[in-house]
């Protein structure tokens, strides 16, 4: 999903980028699994199942028809042999002996019925066995014949008029016309399918696991947490992505370290002449009011240097650890009450323990609270936890910020008040920028909105 710009950037400013939330699936995608493992498994399983189903159906249909025809042909051939023997023996007693001997040797019941006639009712050919028997008897037995494949359950009744003297009745088990082990083929196909499915699951899990580790490492890095034990693994493409991620992480770390070192060096170099200036002002005579103004300017410059360095450093050296957010909120509230006479309400959900950079998060909250106390006479600080996020809100009853200028308030060194150029009012326009930088270092963000107190509401949202 592409990134989108929330607003057009001002000249010389980088565009504000936001990652849109995933859109709900529409159409057929609503029924597809969301996880890569399940989708990959579908790609393997669905064609395999369809192929085996089609092959099984076509094979069984053809094989069963061929097998039934071959078995029926063999049985009819045996019947033809018995018919020829009976027709060649005119003596009735001999015919009974031959039919009894055929019953013992051929595994079927053969009975000679002298003077009997074929049934007048129609036979049954509405089953596959019946169709096969009818087809073979019509082609191999020229004598009048009749059969019923359903009346006697597991036996098929077949009758042939050998001559005018009588008929032969054959009672043969149905299983001799069909393959009774035909059901084993689908069973073995199902067993084979489950074996292949198990192999596919094991293989796909091993292929998906490196991608999951890469995603977890990227998510942890986005939240400001180090992943020292991450190693490239998996297929070549996944290894390349992991190596690229590690390289990007190292480049970002070097850039942050170089930026911090540069700002620290600049701060140190500027502090030296500022210290000399303070010393010279303290030793020189002259107008005390002028000296006081100069010392105030020097102190303001030192404070600006501290804020510049804090903004550049971004509290990057601190490692995440479990922190009691309720205790942290209490500390911020106590410090704020000592610095300001404005009433401040503070509340946090009980048992709120989260893995964060505690000092960095405290600085983020302090910046927002200081900003609220500066413009409002009443401030409310709260911390709650949702299913996925830690939510910290700072509200005031001040004049607020128009919606169209709220994004501008986060730009470094940008002050929206009318006397923003007057340093005596305090601040250099870095408070909100530092707060957002810290929140984004935790993988979250800071948003501005309207408070029910009548002023501004700043919400810190950090994913858990």
Foldseek 3Di string as FASTA:
>chain_A
DDWDFPDDDDPPDDTDIDDDDDDQDDDPVNVQDPDPLRVVLCVVQVVLVVVLVVCLVVCLVVVFLVQLLVLLLVVVVLVVVLLVVLLVDPDPVVNQVSQVVSCVPVVWRKGWDFPDDDDPDAEDLPDSNSVSNVVNCVVRPVFDKHKHQPPPPQWIWIWGASDNGTIMIIIHGPCSSGPPCSVVVVVVVVVVSVVVSVVSSVVSCQQCVLVVLLVVCVLCQQQLAHDVPDAQDHDPVSSVVSVVVVVVSVVVVVVLVVQLVVLVVVLVVVVVVLVVVLVVLVPDDDDPVVSVVVVVVSVLVNVVSVLVSCLSNLVNVAHWDKDDVLVLQVVLLVVVVVVDVAEEAEEEDPPDIDTHRSVLQSLLVNLLQVVQVLFASYKYWYWYDDPWKIKIKIDGQGAADPPVCQVVLLDAQDDDDPVQVDCVSPDRSHSNVSSQSNLSSSVWGWDWDADPSNYIMIMRIHTD
